[in-house]
Amino acid sequence: MTSRKTSQSMKAATAAKKLGIYLPAAPQEFQEATITRTELMEMQANPPEWLADLRRNGPHPRSIVAARLGISISGLN
């Protein structure tokens, strides 16, 4: 019996969290896609222009904003 390696995939929300971006600000194609681990690693190593721009200019997820301000997420309210 030979073992076949299957590619693990994740929802766009999970990929956005791992990339540190705010999902509603991402392109529609990304929001509706299922991302494989290989695609995620490629985006981390060589981010597309939209990802680099989003990381640079925001909007940023609450966890990133709180960490930059040095406060808890609940402190953003």
Protein backbone atom coordinates (compact mmCIF):
# COMPACT_ATOMS: atom_id res chain seq x y z
CA MET A 1 0.00 0.00 0.00
CA THR A 2 1.37 3.43 -0.90
CA SER A 3 0.60 6.45 1.19
CA ARG A 4 -0.70 9.46 -0.65
CA LYS A 5 -0.01 12.87 0.79
CA THR A 6 -3.11 15.04 0.70
CA SER A 7 -2.99 18.77 0.98
CA GLN A 8 -4.61 20.18 4.08
CA SER A 9 -6.89 23.13 3.53
CA MET A 10 -8.47 25.80 5.69
CA LYS A 11 -11.22 28.35 5.52
CA ALA A 12 -10.38 31.89 4.51
CA ALA A 13 -11.07 33.12 8.06
CA THR A 14 -8.40 30.79 9.45
CA ALA A 15 -5.92 31.79 6.75
CA ALA A 16 -6.61 35.48 7.43
CA LYS A 17 -5.93 34.97 11.13
CA LYS A 18 -2.65 33.20 10.36
CA LEU A 19 -1.67 35.99 7.94
CA GLY A 20 -2.62 38.68 10.49
CA ILE A 21 -5.14 40.44 8.26
CA TYR A 22 -8.74 41.62 8.62
CA LEU A 23 -10.79 39.24 6.45
CA PRO A 24 -13.51 41.72 5.32
CA ALA A 25 -10.76 43.96 3.88
CA ALA A 26 -9.29 41.12 1.77
CA PRO A 27 -10.30 40.66 -1.89
CA GLN A 28 -13.55 38.79 -2.49
CA GLU A 29 -11.72 35.92 -4.22
CA PHE A 30 -9.67 35.33 -1.05
CA GLN A 31 -12.73 35.56 1.22
CA GLU A 32 -14.55 32.87 -0.76
CA ALA A 33 -11.56 30.56 -1.30
CA THR A 34 -10.38 27.48 0.52
CA ILE A 35 -6.67 27.95 1.16
CA THR A 36 -4.21 25.05 1.25
CA ARG A 37 -1.22 25.01 3.56
CA THR A 38 1.04 25.24 0.52
CA GLU A 39 -0.77 28.38 -0.69
CA LEU A 40 -0.60 29.88 2.81
CA MET A 41 3.15 29.27 3.05
CA GLU A 42 3.61 30.82 -0.41
CA MET A 43 1.63 33.91 0.66
CA GLN A 44 3.77 34.22 3.79
CA ALA A 45 7.03 33.87 1.85
CA ASN A 46 6.04 35.99 -1.18
CA PRO A 47 2.98 38.08 -0.28
CA PRO A 48 0.88 39.29 -3.21
CA GLU A 49 0.58 43.07 -3.60
CA TRP A 50 -2.89 43.22 -2.00
CA LEU A 51 -1.61 41.35 1.08
CA ALA A 52 1.47 43.54 1.48
CA ASP A 53 -0.69 46.67 1.12
CA LEU A 54 -3.25 45.39 3.62
CA ARG A 55 -0.55 44.56 6.17
CA ARG A 56 1.07 47.96 5.68
CA ASN A 57 -2.01 50.22 5.58
CA GLY A 58 -4.81 48.23 7.25
CA PRO A 59 -7.50 48.03 8.34
CA HIS A 60 -6.01 45.72 10.92
CA PRO A 61 -7.70 43.06 13.07
CA ARG A 62 -8.48 43.97 16.67
CA SER A 63 -5.76 41.66 18.01
CA ILE A 64 -3.07 43.43 15.96
CA VAL A 65 -4.28 46.90 16.98
CA ALA A 66 -4.38 45.91 20.66
CA ALA A 67 -0.89 44.41 20.50
CA ARG A 68 0.53 47.56 18.86
CA LEU A 69 -1.08 49.73 21.52
CA GLY A 70 0.05 47.42 24.31
CA ILE A 71 -3.46 46.89 25.67
CA SER A 72 -5.91 44.01 25.88
CA ILE A 73 -8.49 43.47 23.15
CA SER A 74 -11.26 44.37 25.63
CA GLY A 75 -9.48 47.70 26.20
CA LEU A 76 -10.35 48.73 22.64
CA ASN A 77 -14.02 49.26 23.49
